[in-house]
Amino acid sequence: MTDPIADLLTRIRNAQMAENPSLELPYSKEKESIANVMKKNKFLAEVKKDESGKFPVLVLTLVEKTLELKRVSRPGQRIFVKSDNIRKVLNGFGIAIISTSKGVMTGYEARKLNIGGEFLCTVS
């Protein structure tokens, strides 16, 4: 798999369309940090790491509302933004997820800390 973040977003999208209340996906720190940012902003209900099997698994519990997830930076074309250029998503109703030197955070937090980074995706 060349793009695990796109895989995460696609699995969430597919679970919503199938009306599944939760989903499991292979664990990585990056996926967990993105999911935790989404949980903090109430786009996911719960994020758990399950280590009972042979390999660790990330278990995500979805919320009732339908999310629009869009991947911005891709492995073939990385998109980096300065703190001044981080724009609002849906006039403030969505979030931009940015990977910075201080960790993965929303666009609002990155603007407040005055740091830029890789523009991973938007959630609305």
PDB file of N, CA and C in Angstrom:
ATOM      1  N   MET A   1       0.844  -1.168   0.000  1.00  0.00           N
ATOM      2  CA  MET A   1       0.000   0.000   0.000  1.00  0.00           C
ATOM      3  C   MET A   1       0.895   1.238   0.000  1.00  0.00           C
ATOM      4  N   THR A   2       0.623   2.125  -0.927  1.00  0.00           N
ATOM      5  CA  THR A   2       1.480   3.297  -1.051  1.00  0.00           C
ATOM      6  C   THR A   2       0.968   4.497  -0.259  1.00  0.00           C
ATOM      7  N   ASP A   3      -0.334   4.540   0.046  1.00  0.00           N
ATOM      8  CA  ASP A   3      -0.892   5.694   0.739  1.00  0.00           C
ATOM      9  C   ASP A   3      -1.818   5.245   1.874  1.00  0.00           C
ATOM     10  N   PRO A   4      -1.277   5.041   3.075  1.00  0.00           N
ATOM     11  CA  PRO A   4      -2.110   4.569   4.186  1.00  0.00           C
ATOM     12  C   PRO A   4      -3.149   5.584   4.654  1.00  0.00           C
ATOM     13  N   ILE A   5      -2.898   6.882   4.460  1.00  0.00           N
ATOM     14  CA  ILE A   5      -3.872   7.891   4.886  1.00  0.00           C
ATOM     15  C   ILE A   5      -5.097   7.849   3.972  1.00  0.00           C
ATOM     16  N   ALA A   6      -4.882   7.713   2.669  1.00  0.00           N
ATOM     17  CA  ALA A   6      -6.002   7.578   1.736  1.00  0.00           C
ATOM     18  C   ALA A   6      -6.785   6.307   2.036  1.00  0.00           C
ATOM     19  N   ASP A   7      -6.089   5.236   2.428  1.00  0.00           N
ATOM     20  CA  ASP A   7      -6.752   3.992   2.794  1.00  0.00           C
ATOM     21  C   ASP A   7      -7.633   4.200   4.028  1.00  0.00           C
ATOM     22  N   LEU A   8      -7.139   4.935   5.028  1.00  0.00           N
ATOM     23  CA  LEU A   8      -7.923   5.244   6.225  1.00  0.00           C
ATOM     24  C   LEU A   8      -9.199   5.998   5.855  1.00  0.00           C
ATOM     25  N   LEU A   9      -9.068   7.036   5.047  1.00  0.00           N
ATOM     26  CA  LEU A   9     -10.220   7.845   4.654  1.00  0.00           C
ATOM     27  C   LEU A   9     -11.217   7.026   3.834  1.00  0.00           C
ATOM     28  N   THR A  10     -10.727   6.172   2.944  1.00  0.00           N
ATOM     29  CA  THR A  10     -11.602   5.342   2.129  1.00  0.00           C
ATOM     30  C   THR A  10     -12.339   4.315   2.972  1.00  0.00           C
ATOM     31  N   ARG A  11     -11.669   3.726   3.952  1.00  0.00           N
ATOM     32  CA  ARG A  11     -12.335   2.755   4.826  1.00  0.00           C
ATOM     33  C   ARG A  11     -13.433   3.415   5.656  1.00  0.00           C
ATOM     34  N   ILE A  12     -13.186   4.638   6.130  1.00  0.00           N
ATOM     35  CA  ILE A  12     -14.211   5.366   6.878  1.00  0.00           C
ATOM     36  C   ILE A  12     -15.396   5.663   5.956  1.00  0.00           C
ATOM     37  N   ARG A  13     -15.112   6.135   4.743  1.00  0.00           N
ATOM     38  CA  ARG A  13     -16.160   6.441   3.761  1.00  0.00           C
ATOM     39  C   ARG A  13     -16.988   5.199   3.441  1.00  0.00           C
ATOM     40  N   ASN A  14     -16.330   4.058   3.211  1.00  0.00           N
ATOM     41  CA  ASN A  14     -17.034   2.816   2.875  1.00  0.00           C
ATOM     42  C   ASN A  14     -17.866   2.304   4.044  1.00  0.00           C
ATOM     43  N   ALA A  15     -17.348   2.425   5.268  1.00  0.00           N
ATOM     44  CA  ALA A  15     -18.105   1.991   6.449  1.00  0.00           C
ATOM     45  C   ALA A  15     -19.355   2.846   6.629  1.00  0.00           C
ATOM     46  N   GLN A  16     -19.266   4.127   6.322  1.00  0.00           N
ATOM     47  CA  GLN A  16     -20.438   5.005   6.412  1.00  0.00           C
ATOM     48  C   GLN A  16     -21.490   4.618   5.390  1.00  0.00           C
ATOM     49  N   MET A  17     -21.057   4.346   4.151  1.00  0.00           N
ATOM     50  CA  MET A  17     -22.014   3.982   3.107  1.00  0.00           C
ATOM     51  C   MET A  17     -22.688   2.648   3.414  1.00  0.00           C
ATOM     52  N   ALA A  18     -21.967   1.725   4.058  1.00  0.00           N
ATOM     53  CA  ALA A  18     -22.526   0.432   4.429  1.00  0.00           C
ATOM     54  C   ALA A  18     -23.283   0.505   5.757  1.00  0.00           C
ATOM     55  N   GLU A  19     -23.299   1.695   6.373  1.00  0.00           N
ATOM     56  CA  GLU A  19     -23.970   1.950   7.650  1.00  0.00           C
ATOM     57  C   GLU A  19     -23.450   1.056   8.777  1.00  0.00           C
ATOM     58  N   ASN A  20     -22.144   0.795   8.769  1.00  0.00           N
ATOM     59  CA  ASN A  20     -21.512   0.049   9.850  1.00  0.00           C
ATOM     60  C   ASN A  20     -21.236   1.002  11.016  1.00  0.00           C
ATOM     61  N   PRO A  21     -21.476   0.591  12.262  1.00  0.00           N
ATOM     62  CA  PRO A  21     -21.225   1.478  13.395  1.00  0.00           C
ATOM     63  C   PRO A  21     -19.737   1.644  13.721  1.00  0.00           C
ATOM     64  N   SER A  22     -18.908   0.667  13.325  1.00  0.00           N
ATOM     65  CA  SER A  22     -17.471   0.759  13.611  1.00  0.00           C
ATOM     66  C   SER A  22     -16.703   0.029  12.520  1.00  0.00           C
ATOM     67  N   LEU A  23     -15.371   0.223  12.547  1.00  0.00           N
ATOM     68  CA  LEU A  23     -14.515  -0.447  11.576  1.00  0.00           C
ATOM     69  C   LEU A  23     -13.158  -0.709  12.196  1.00  0.00           C
ATOM     70  N   GLU A  24     -12.460  -1.695  11.632  1.00  0.00           N
ATOM     71  CA  GLU A  24     -11.109  -2.044  12.057  1.00  0.00           C
ATOM     72  C   GLU A  24     -10.170  -1.845  10.878  1.00  0.00           C
ATOM     73  N   LEU A  25      -8.952  -1.360  11.186  1.00  0.00           N
ATOM     74  CA  LEU A  25      -7.949  -1.201  10.147  1.00  0.00           C
ATOM     75  C   LEU A  25      -6.577  -1.418  10.752  1.00  0.00           C
ATOM     76  N   PRO A  26      -5.577  -1.727   9.936  1.00  0.00           N
ATOM     77  CA  PRO A  26      -4.227  -1.941  10.460  1.00  0.00           C
ATOM     78  C   PRO A  26      -3.721  -0.699  11.189  1.00  0.00           C
ATOM     79  N   TYR A  27      -3.019  -0.918  12.296  1.00  0.00           N
ATOM     80  CA  TYR A  27      -2.573   0.175  13.162  1.00  0.00           C
ATOM     81  C   TYR A  27      -1.301   0.831  12.639  1.00  0.00           C
ATOM     82  N   SER A  28      -1.237   2.146  12.760  1.00  0.00           N
ATOM     83  CA  SER A  28      -0.007   2.911  12.629  1.00  0.00           C
ATOM     84  C   SER A  28      -0.164   4.160  13.483  1.00  0.00           C
ATOM     85  N   LYS A  29       0.940   4.718  13.921  1.00  0.00           N
ATOM     86  CA  LYS A  29       0.891   5.908  14.768  1.00  0.00           C
ATOM     87  C   LYS A  29       0.259   7.085  14.034  1.00  0.00           C
ATOM     88  N   GLU A  30       0.570   7.205  12.746  1.00  0.00           N
ATOM     89  CA  GLU A  30       0.045   8.316  11.948  1.00  0.00           C
ATOM     90  C   GLU A  30      -1.478   8.224  11.822  1.00  0.00           C
ATOM     91  N   LYS A  31      -1.986   7.017  11.531  1.00  0.00           N
ATOM     92  CA  LYS A  31      -3.433   6.838  11.436  1.00  0.00           C
ATOM     93  C   LYS A  31      -4.101   7.111  12.781  1.00  0.00           C
ATOM     94  N   GLU A  32      -3.469   6.671  13.863  1.00  0.00           N
ATOM     95  CA  GLU A  32      -4.039   6.898  15.190  1.00  0.00           C
ATOM     96  C   GLU A  32      -4.087   8.389  15.515  1.00  0.00           C
ATOM     97  N   SER A  33      -3.044   9.131  15.167  1.00  0.00           N
ATOM     98  CA  SER A  33      -3.041  10.563  15.467  1.00  0.00           C
ATOM     99  C   SER A  33      -4.082  11.309  14.630  1.00  0.00           C
ATOM    100  N   ILE A  34      -4.271  10.917  13.373  1.00  0.00           N
ATOM    101  CA  ILE A  34      -5.310  11.529  12.538  1.00  0.00           C
ATOM    102  C   ILE A  34      -6.691  11.212  13.110  1.00  0.00           C
ATOM    103  N   ALA A  35      -6.898   9.962  13.512  1.00  0.00           N
ATOM    104  CA  ALA A  35      -8.182   9.565  14.094  1.00  0.00           C
ATOM    105  C   ALA A  35      -8.442  10.291  15.415  1.00  0.00           C
ATOM    106  N   ASN A  36      -7.401  10.506  16.218  1.00  0.00           N
ATOM    107  CA  ASN A  36      -7.582  11.225  17.477  1.00  0.00           C
ATOM    108  C   ASN A  36      -7.959  12.688  17.245  1.00  0.00           C
ATOM    109  N   VAL A  37      -7.393  13.308  16.205  1.00  0.00           N
ATOM    110  CA  VAL A  37      -7.772  14.684  15.853  1.00  0.00           C
ATOM    111  C   VAL A  37      -9.240  14.714  15.435  1.00  0.00           C
ATOM    112  N   MET A  38      -9.669  13.711  14.660  1.00  0.00           N
ATOM    113  CA  MET A  38     -11.071  13.641  14.238  1.00  0.00           C
ATOM    114  C   MET A  38     -11.994  13.395  15.429  1.00  0.00           C
ATOM    115  N   LYS A  39     -11.540  12.595  16.389  1.00  0.00           N
ATOM    116  CA  LYS A  39     -12.357  12.333  17.589  1.00  0.00           C
ATOM    117  C   LYS A  39     -12.474  13.592  18.441  1.00  0.00           C
ATOM    118  N   LYS A  40     -11.373  14.314  18.596  1.00  0.00           N
ATOM    119  CA  LYS A  40     -11.371  15.534  19.404  1.00  0.00           C
ATOM    120  C   LYS A  40     -12.339  16.569  18.842  1.00  0.00           C
ATOM    121  N   ASN A  41     -12.518  16.569  17.521  1.00  0.00           N
ATOM    122  CA  ASN A  41     -13.429  17.508  16.874  1.00  0.00           C
ATOM    123  C   ASN A  41     -14.801  16.894  16.593  1.00  0.00           C
ATOM    124  N   LYS A  42     -15.094  15.752  17.231  1.00  0.00           N
ATOM    125  CA  LYS A  42     -16.395  15.083  17.187  1.00  0.00           C
ATOM    126  C   LYS A  42     -16.792  14.567  15.801  1.00  0.00           C
ATOM    127  N   PHE A  43     -15.816  14.188  14.985  1.00  0.00           N
ATOM    128  CA  PHE A  43     -16.102  13.540  13.712  1.00  0.00           C
ATOM    129  C   PHE A  43     -16.061  12.020  13.853  1.00  0.00           C
ATOM    130  N   LEU A  44     -15.467  11.512  14.943  1.00  0.00           N
ATOM    131  CA  LEU A  44     -15.486  10.095  15.302  1.00  0.00           C
ATOM    132  C   LEU A  44     -15.932   9.992  16.763  1.00  0.00           C
ATOM    133  N   ALA A  45     -16.607   8.893  17.101  1.00  0.00           N
ATOM    134  CA  ALA A  45     -17.082   8.717  18.469  1.00  0.00           C
ATOM    135  C   ALA A  45     -15.996   8.147  19.377  1.00  0.00           C
ATOM    136  N   GLU A  46     -15.231   7.179  18.868  1.00  0.00           N
ATOM    137  CA  GLU A  46     -14.232   6.517  19.713  1.00  0.00           C
ATOM    138  C   GLU A  46     -13.088   5.980  18.863  1.00  0.00           C
ATOM    139  N   VAL A  47     -11.875   6.006  19.436  1.00  0.00           N
ATOM    140  CA  VAL A  47     -10.675   5.479  18.789  1.00  0.00           C
ATOM    141  C   VAL A  47      -9.976   4.579  19.799  1.00  0.00           C
ATOM    142  N   LYS A  48      -9.777   3.308  19.435  1.00  0.00           N
ATOM    143  CA  LYS A  48      -9.106   2.361  20.332  1.00  0.00           C
ATOM    144  C   LYS A  48      -8.048   1.581  19.571  1.00  0.00           C
ATOM    145  N   LYS A  49      -6.984   1.219  20.286  1.00  0.00           N
ATOM    146  CA  LYS A  49      -5.948   0.343  19.735  1.00  0.00           C
ATOM    147  C   LYS A  49      -6.165  -1.037  20.342  1.00  0.00           C
ATOM    148  N   ASP A  50      -6.363  -2.055  19.510  1.00  0.00           N
ATOM    149  CA  ASP A  50      -6.609  -3.417  19.970  1.00  0.00           C
ATOM    150  C   ASP A  50      -5.387  -4.268  19.656  1.00  0.00           C
ATOM    151  N   GLU A  51      -4.728  -4.774  20.700  1.00  0.00           N
ATOM    152  CA  GLU A  51      -3.524  -5.585  20.526  1.00  0.00           C
ATOM    153  C   GLU A  51      -3.756  -7.046  20.854  1.00  0.00           C
ATOM    154  N   SER A  52      -5.011  -7.512  20.820  1.00  0.00           N
ATOM    155  CA  SER A  52      -5.305  -8.891  21.206  1.00  0.00           C
ATOM    156  C   SER A  52      -4.913  -9.901  20.129  1.00  0.00           C
ATOM    157  N   GLY A  53      -4.843  -9.499  18.875  1.00  0.00           N
ATOM    158  CA  GLY A  53      -4.488 -10.414  17.790  1.00  0.00           C
ATOM    159  C   GLY A  53      -2.995 -10.463  17.545  1.00  0.00           C
ATOM    160  N   LYS A  54      -2.636 -11.030  16.401  1.00  0.00           N
ATOM    161  CA  LYS A  54      -1.228 -11.144  16.035  1.00  0.00           C
ATOM    162  C   LYS A  54      -0.614  -9.773  15.754  1.00  0.00           C
ATOM    163  N   PHE A  55      -1.385  -8.922  15.078  1.00  0.00           N
ATOM    164  CA  PHE A  55      -0.944  -7.569  14.765  1.00  0.00           C
ATOM    165  C   PHE A  55      -1.901  -6.572  15.406  1.00  0.00           C
ATOM    166  N   PRO A  56      -1.406  -5.393  15.807  1.00  0.00           N
ATOM    167  CA  PRO A  56      -2.309  -4.402  16.394  1.00  0.00           C
ATOM    168  C   PRO A  56      -3.287  -3.851  15.352  1.00  0.00           C
ATOM    169  N   VAL A  57      -4.494  -3.522  15.831  1.00  0.00           N
ATOM    170  CA  VAL A  57      -5.568  -3.042  14.972  1.00  0.00           C
ATOM    171  C   VAL A  57      -6.127  -1.767  15.581  1.00  0.00           C
ATOM    172  N   LEU A  58      -6.490  -0.819  14.743  1.00  0.00           N
ATOM    173  CA  LEU A  58      -7.131   0.412  15.174  1.00  0.00           C
ATOM    174  C   LEU A  58      -8.636   0.246  14.978  1.00  0.00           C
ATOM    175  N   VAL A  59      -9.411   0.424  16.052  1.00  0.00           N
ATOM    176  CA  VAL A  59     -10.869   0.275  15.999  1.00  0.00           C
ATOM    177  C   VAL A  59     -11.491   1.662  16.115  1.00  0.00           C
ATOM    178  N   LEU A  60     -12.253   2.065  15.097  1.00  0.00           N
ATOM    179  CA  LEU A  60     -12.892   3.376  15.061  1.00  0.00           C
ATOM    180  C   LEU A  60     -14.398   3.202  15.143  1.00  0.00           C
ATOM    181  N   THR A  61     -15.040   3.983  16.020  1.00  0.00           N
ATOM    182  CA  THR A  61     -16.494   4.004  16.115  1.00  0.00           C
ATOM    183  C   THR A  61     -16.980   5.282  15.458  1.00  0.00           C
ATOM    184  N   LEU A  62     -17.884   5.129  14.508  1.00  0.00           N
ATOM    185  CA  LEU A  62     -18.344   6.259  13.707  1.00  0.00           C
ATOM    186  C   LEU A  62     -19.485   7.002  14.386  1.00  0.00           C
ATOM    187  N   VAL A  63     -19.683   8.250  13.996  1.00  0.00           N
ATOM    188  CA  VAL A  63     -20.821   9.045  14.462  1.00  0.00           C
ATOM    189  C   VAL A  63     -21.950   8.907  13.443  1.00  0.00           C
ATOM    190  N   GLU A  64     -23.134   9.402  13.782  1.00  0.00           N
ATOM    191  CA  GLU A  64     -24.304   9.254  12.927  1.00  0.00           C
ATOM    192  C   GLU A  64     -24.233  10.091  11.650  1.00  0.00           C
ATOM    193  N   LYS A  65     -23.604  11.273  11.720  1.00  0.00           N
ATOM    194  CA  LYS A  65     -23.611  12.152  10.551  1.00  0.00           C
ATOM    195  C   LYS A  65     -22.651  11.647   9.475  1.00  0.00           C
ATOM    196  N   THR A  66     -22.958  11.993   8.229  1.00  0.00           N
ATOM    197  CA  THR A  66     -22.136  11.602   7.091  1.00  0.00           C
ATOM    198  C   THR A  66     -20.989  12.592   6.935  1.00  0.00           C
ATOM    199  N   LEU A  67     -19.787  12.061   6.838  1.00  0.00           N
ATOM    200  CA  LEU A  67     -18.594  12.897   6.712  1.00  0.00           C
ATOM    201  C   LEU A  67     -18.168  13.003   5.259  1.00  0.00           C
ATOM    202  N   GLU A  68     -17.629  14.158   4.920  1.00  0.00           N
ATOM    203  CA  GLU A  68     -16.997  14.322   3.615  1.00  0.00           C
ATOM    204  C   GLU A  68     -15.497  14.394   3.863  1.00  0.00           C
ATOM    205  N   LEU A  69     -14.774  13.410   3.367  1.00  0.00           N
ATOM    206  CA  LEU A  69     -13.332  13.289   3.590  1.00  0.00           C
ATOM    207  C   LEU A  69     -12.616  13.482   2.262  1.00  0.00           C
ATOM    208  N   LYS A  70     -11.604  14.347   2.250  1.00  0.00           N
ATOM    209  CA  LYS A  70     -10.869  14.604   1.012  1.00  0.00           C
ATOM    210  C   LYS A  70      -9.372  14.624   1.300  1.00  0.00           C
ATOM    211  N   ARG A  71      -8.626  13.816   0.582  1.00  0.00           N
ATOM    212  CA  ARG A  71      -7.171  13.772   0.687  1.00  0.00           C
ATOM    213  C   ARG A  71      -6.600  14.921  -0.132  1.00  0.00           C
ATOM    214  N   VAL A  72      -5.707  15.722   0.452  1.00  0.00           N
ATOM    215  CA  VAL A  72      -5.135  16.867  -0.248  1.00  0.00           C
ATOM    216  C   VAL A  72      -3.715  16.546  -0.696  1.00  0.00           C
ATOM    217  N   SER A  73      -2.815  16.279   0.241  1.00  0.00           N
ATOM    218  CA  SER A  73      -1.437  15.939  -0.083  1.00  0.00           C
ATOM    219  C   SER A  73      -1.354  14.440  -0.380  1.00  0.00           C
ATOM    220  N   ARG A  74      -0.689  14.088  -1.462  1.00  0.00           N
ATOM    221  CA  ARG A  74      -0.573  12.688  -1.852  1.00  0.00           C
ATOM    222  C   ARG A  74       0.904  12.318  -1.947  1.00  0.00           C
ATOM    223  N   PRO A  75       1.227  11.024  -1.982  1.00  0.00           N
ATOM    224  CA  PRO A  75       2.645  10.651  -2.106  1.00  0.00           C
ATOM    225  C   PRO A  75       3.294  11.194  -3.383  1.00  0.00           C
ATOM    226  N   GLY A  76       2.526  11.333  -4.450  1.00  0.00           N
ATOM    227  CA  GLY A  76       3.079  11.839  -5.703  1.00  0.00           C
ATOM    228  C   GLY A  76       3.181  13.351  -5.763  1.00  0.00           C
ATOM    229  N   GLN A  77       2.416  14.031  -4.922  1.00  0.00           N
ATOM    230  CA  GLN A  77       2.434  15.494  -4.913  1.00  0.00           C
ATOM    231  C   GLN A  77       2.154  15.971  -3.486  1.00  0.00           C
ATOM    232  N   ARG A  78       3.202  16.202  -2.748  1.00  0.00           N
ATOM    233  CA  ARG A  78       3.066  16.683  -1.372  1.00  0.00           C
ATOM    234  C   ARG A  78       2.672  18.158  -1.384  1.00  0.00           C
ATOM    235  N   ILE A  79       1.732  18.524  -0.530  1.00  0.00           N
ATOM    236  CA  ILE A  79       1.278  19.903  -0.425  1.00  0.00           C
ATOM    237  C   ILE A  79       1.671  20.417   0.961  1.00  0.00           C
ATOM    238  N   PHE A  80       2.550  21.398   0.992  1.00  0.00           N
ATOM    239  CA  PHE A  80       2.975  22.016   2.242  1.00  0.00           C
ATOM    240  C   PHE A  80       2.417  23.431   2.297  1.00  0.00           C
ATOM    241  N   VAL A  81       1.973  23.846   3.484  1.00  0.00           N
ATOM    242  CA  VAL A  81       1.389  25.182   3.638  1.00  0.00           C
ATOM    243  C   VAL A  81       2.059  25.899   4.800  1.00  0.00           C
ATOM    244  N   LYS A  82       2.177  27.222   4.668  1.00  0.00           N
ATOM    245  CA  LYS A  82       2.637  28.048   5.773  1.00  0.00           C
ATOM    246  C   LYS A  82       1.432  28.354   6.658  1.00  0.00           C
ATOM    247  N   SER A  83       1.683  28.812   7.860  1.00  0.00           N
ATOM    248  CA  SER A  83       0.583  29.077   8.787  1.00  0.00           C
ATOM    249  C   SER A  83      -0.355  30.154   8.257  1.00  0.00           C
ATOM    250  N   ASP A  84       0.162  31.095   7.472  1.00  0.00           N
ATOM    251  CA  ASP A  84      -0.670  32.164   6.903  1.00  0.00           C
ATOM    252  C   ASP A  84      -1.616  31.638   5.819  1.00  0.00           C
ATOM    253  N   ASN A  85      -1.234  30.555   5.147  1.00  0.00           N
ATOM    254  CA  ASN A  85      -1.999  30.054   4.008  1.00  0.00           C
ATOM    255  C   ASN A  85      -2.965  28.929   4.358  1.00  0.00           C
ATOM    256  N   ILE A  86      -3.110  28.593   5.641  1.00  0.00           N
ATOM    257  CA  ILE A  86      -4.050  27.545   6.028  1.00  0.00           C
ATOM    258  C   ILE A  86      -5.447  28.158   5.999  1.00  0.00           C
ATOM    259  N   ARG A  87      -6.279  27.647   5.109  1.00  0.00           N
ATOM    260  CA  ARG A  87      -7.604  28.228   4.933  1.00  0.00           C
ATOM    261  C   ARG A  87      -8.667  27.460   5.725  1.00  0.00           C
ATOM    262  N   LYS A  88      -9.804  28.108   5.931  1.00  0.00           N
ATOM    263  CA  LYS A  88     -10.925  27.466   6.609  1.00  0.00           C
ATOM    264  C   LYS A  88     -11.574  26.453   5.674  1.00  0.00           C
ATOM    265  N   VAL A  89     -12.182  25.431   6.269  1.00  0.00           N
ATOM    266  CA  VAL A  89     -12.890  24.416   5.502  1.00  0.00           C
ATOM    267  C   VAL A  89     -14.382  24.617   5.747  1.00  0.00           C
ATOM    268  N   LEU A  90     -15.133  24.816   4.702  1.00  0.00           N
ATOM    269  CA  LEU A  90     -16.586  25.056   4.776  1.00  0.00           C
ATOM    270  C   LEU A  90     -16.930  26.185   5.742  1.00  0.00           C
ATOM    271  N   ASN A  91     -16.221  27.285   5.640  1.00  0.00           N
ATOM    272  CA  ASN A  91     -16.443  28.468   6.494  1.00  0.00           C
ATOM    273  C   ASN A  91     -16.407  28.137   7.979  1.00  0.00           C
ATOM    274  N   GLY A  92     -15.559  27.207   8.374  1.00  0.00           N
ATOM    275  CA  GLY A  92     -15.389  26.882   9.789  1.00  0.00           C
ATOM    276  C   GLY A  92     -16.166  25.668  10.252  1.00  0.00           C
ATOM    277  N   PHE A  93     -16.999  25.053   9.391  1.00  0.00           N
ATOM    278  CA  PHE A  93     -17.762  23.878   9.793  1.00  0.00           C
ATOM    279  C   PHE A  93     -16.963  22.585   9.633  1.00  0.00           C
ATOM    280  N   GLY A  94     -15.855  22.627   8.922  1.00  0.00           N
ATOM    281  CA  GLY A  94     -14.989  21.472   8.743  1.00  0.00           C
ATOM    282  C   GLY A  94     -13.607  21.770   9.295  1.00  0.00           C
ATOM    283  N   ILE A  95     -12.722  20.777   9.224  1.00  0.00           N
ATOM    284  CA  ILE A  95     -11.355  20.972   9.709  1.00  0.00           C
ATOM    285  C   ILE A  95     -10.357  20.561   8.636  1.00  0.00           C
ATOM    286  N   ALA A  96      -9.211  21.201   8.662  1.00  0.00           N
ATOM    287  CA  ALA A  96      -8.066  20.805   7.855  1.00  0.00           C
ATOM    288  C   ALA A  96      -7.113  20.077   8.797  1.00  0.00           C
ATOM    289  N   ILE A  97      -6.614  18.922   8.413  1.00  0.00           N
ATOM    290  CA  ILE A  97      -5.676  18.175   9.246  1.00  0.00           C
ATOM    291  C   ILE A  97      -4.282  18.387   8.671  1.00  0.00           C
ATOM    292  N   ILE A  98      -3.397  18.932   9.524  1.00  0.00           N
ATOM    293  CA  ILE A  98      -2.042  19.316   9.125  1.00  0.00           C
ATOM    294  C   ILE A  98      -1.037  18.497   9.933  1.00  0.00           C
ATOM    295  N   SER A  99      -0.019  17.965   9.261  1.00  0.00           N
ATOM    296  CA  SER A  99       1.075  17.278   9.941  1.00  0.00           C
ATOM    297  C   SER A  99       2.211  18.283  10.118  1.00  0.00           C
ATOM    298  N   THR A 100       2.473  18.674  11.363  1.00  0.00           N
ATOM    299  CA  THR A 100       3.482  19.687  11.647  1.00  0.00           C
ATOM    300  C   THR A 100       4.650  19.078  12.405  1.00  0.00           C
ATOM    301  N   SER A 101       5.622  19.902  12.719  1.00  0.00           N
ATOM    302  CA  SER A 101       6.753  19.441  13.519  1.00  0.00           C
ATOM    303  C   SER A 101       6.341  19.187  14.969  1.00  0.00           C
ATOM    304  N   LYS A 102       5.204  19.720  15.387  1.00  0.00           N
ATOM    305  CA  LYS A 102       4.672  19.513  16.740  1.00  0.00           C
ATOM    306  C   LYS A 102       3.651  18.382  16.786  1.00  0.00           C
ATOM    307  N   GLY A 103       3.463  17.669  15.669  1.00  0.00           N
ATOM    308  CA  GLY A 103       2.508  16.571  15.614  1.00  0.00           C
ATOM    309  C   GLY A 103       1.353  16.889  14.680  1.00  0.00           C
ATOM    310  N   VAL A 104       0.419  15.957  14.579  1.00  0.00           N
ATOM    311  CA  VAL A 104      -0.746  16.134  13.720  1.00  0.00           C
ATOM    312  C   VAL A 104      -1.779  16.962  14.475  1.00  0.00           C
ATOM    313  N   MET A 105      -2.305  18.002  13.806  1.00  0.00           N
ATOM    314  CA  MET A 105      -3.276  18.891  14.451  1.00  0.00           C
ATOM    315  C   MET A 105      -4.188  19.505  13.401  1.00  0.00           C
ATOM    316  N   THR A 106      -5.197  20.233  13.881  1.00  0.00           N
ATOM    317  CA  THR A 106      -6.111  20.912  12.964  1.00  0.00           C
ATOM    318  C   THR A 106      -5.459  22.177  12.433  1.00  0.00           C
ATOM    319  N   GLY A 107      -6.067  22.721  11.395  1.00  0.00           N
ATOM    320  CA  GLY A 107      -5.575  23.965  10.814  1.00  0.00           C
ATOM    321  C   GLY A 107      -5.678  25.128  11.786  1.00  0.00           C
ATOM    322  N   TYR A 108      -6.735  25.129  12.625  1.00  0.00           N
ATOM    323  CA  TYR A 108      -6.908  26.192  13.619  1.00  0.00           C
ATOM    324  C   TYR A 108      -5.758  26.200  14.623  1.00  0.00           C
ATOM    325  N   GLU A 109      -5.404  24.997  15.124  1.00  0.00           N
ATOM    326  CA  GLU A 109      -4.310  24.888  16.098  1.00  0.00           C
ATOM    327  C   GLU A 109      -2.981  25.294  15.473  1.00  0.00           C
ATOM    328  N   ALA A 110      -2.747  24.893  14.220  1.00  0.00           N
ATOM    329  CA  ALA A 110      -1.495  25.234  13.541  1.00  0.00           C
ATOM    330  C   ALA A 110      -1.402  26.742  13.330  1.00  0.00           C
ATOM    331  N   ARG A 111      -2.524  27.379  12.964  1.00  0.00           N
ATOM    332  CA  ARG A 111      -2.539  28.836  12.793  1.00  0.00           C
ATOM    333  C   ARG A 111      -2.260  29.540  14.117  1.00  0.00           C
ATOM    334  N   LYS A 112      -2.848  29.013  15.196  1.00  0.00           N
ATOM    335  CA  LYS A 112      -2.656  29.628  16.512  1.00  0.00           C
ATOM    336  C   LYS A 112      -1.203  29.522  16.961  1.00  0.00           C
ATOM    337  N   LEU A 113      -0.556  28.365  16.684  1.00  0.00           N
ATOM    338  CA  LEU A 113       0.845  28.159  17.068  1.00  0.00           C
ATOM    339  C   LEU A 113       1.820  28.763  16.056  1.00  0.00           C
ATOM    340  N   ASN A 114       1.279  29.280  14.937  1.00  0.00           N
ATOM    341  CA  ASN A 114       2.075  29.913  13.886  1.00  0.00           C
ATOM    342  C   ASN A 114       3.103  28.947  13.280  1.00  0.00           C
ATOM    343  N   ILE A 115       2.651  27.712  13.000  1.00  0.00           N
ATOM    344  CA  ILE A 115       3.522  26.738  12.334  1.00  0.00           C
ATOM    345  C   ILE A 115       2.772  26.123  11.150  1.00  0.00           C
ATOM    346  N   GLY A 116       3.494  25.826  10.106  1.00  0.00           N
ATOM    347  CA  GLY A 116       2.924  25.202   8.922  1.00  0.00           C
ATOM    348  C   GLY A 116       3.293  23.735   8.872  1.00  0.00           C
ATOM    349  N   GLY A 117       2.959  23.081   7.784  1.00  0.00           N
ATOM    350  CA  GLY A 117       3.285  21.666   7.632  1.00  0.00           C
ATOM    351  C   GLY A 117       2.628  21.086   6.405  1.00  0.00           C
ATOM    352  N   GLU A 118       2.546  19.757   6.377  1.00  0.00           N
ATOM    353  CA  GLU A 118       1.934  19.072   5.246  1.00  0.00           C
ATOM    354  C   GLU A 118       0.425  19.043   5.428  1.00  0.00           C
ATOM    355  N   PHE A 119      -0.300  19.492   4.431  1.00  0.00           N
ATOM    356  CA  PHE A 119      -1.760  19.549   4.439  1.00  0.00           C
ATOM    357  C   PHE A 119      -2.286  18.161   4.065  1.00  0.00           C
ATOM    358  N   LEU A 120      -2.601  17.339   5.064  1.00  0.00           N
ATOM    359  CA  LEU A 120      -2.977  15.953   4.811  1.00  0.00           C
ATOM    360  C   LEU A 120      -4.347  15.796   4.184  1.00  0.00           C
ATOM    361  N   CYS A 121      -5.391  16.314   4.862  1.00  0.00           N
ATOM    362  CA  CYS A 121      -6.753  16.099   4.364  1.00  0.00           C
ATOM    363  C   CYS A 121      -7.713  17.105   4.979  1.00  0.00           C
ATOM    364  N   THR A 122      -8.945  17.107   4.446  1.00  0.00           N
ATOM    365  CA  THR A 122     -10.006  17.933   5.016  1.00  0.00           C
ATOM    366  C   THR A 122     -11.140  17.018   5.441  1.00  0.00           C
ATOM    367  N   VAL A 123     -11.816  17.389   6.522  1.00  0.00           N
ATOM    368  CA  VAL A 123     -12.958  16.633   7.039  1.00  0.00           C
ATOM    369  C   VAL A 123     -14.086  17.628   7.255  1.00  0.00           C
ATOM    370  N   SER A 124     -15.267  17.310   6.724  1.00  0.00           N
ATOM    371  CA  SER A 124     -16.410  18.190   6.948  1.00  0.00           C
ATOM    372  C   SER A 124     -17.686  17.380   7.024  1.00  0.00           C
TER     373      SER A 124
END
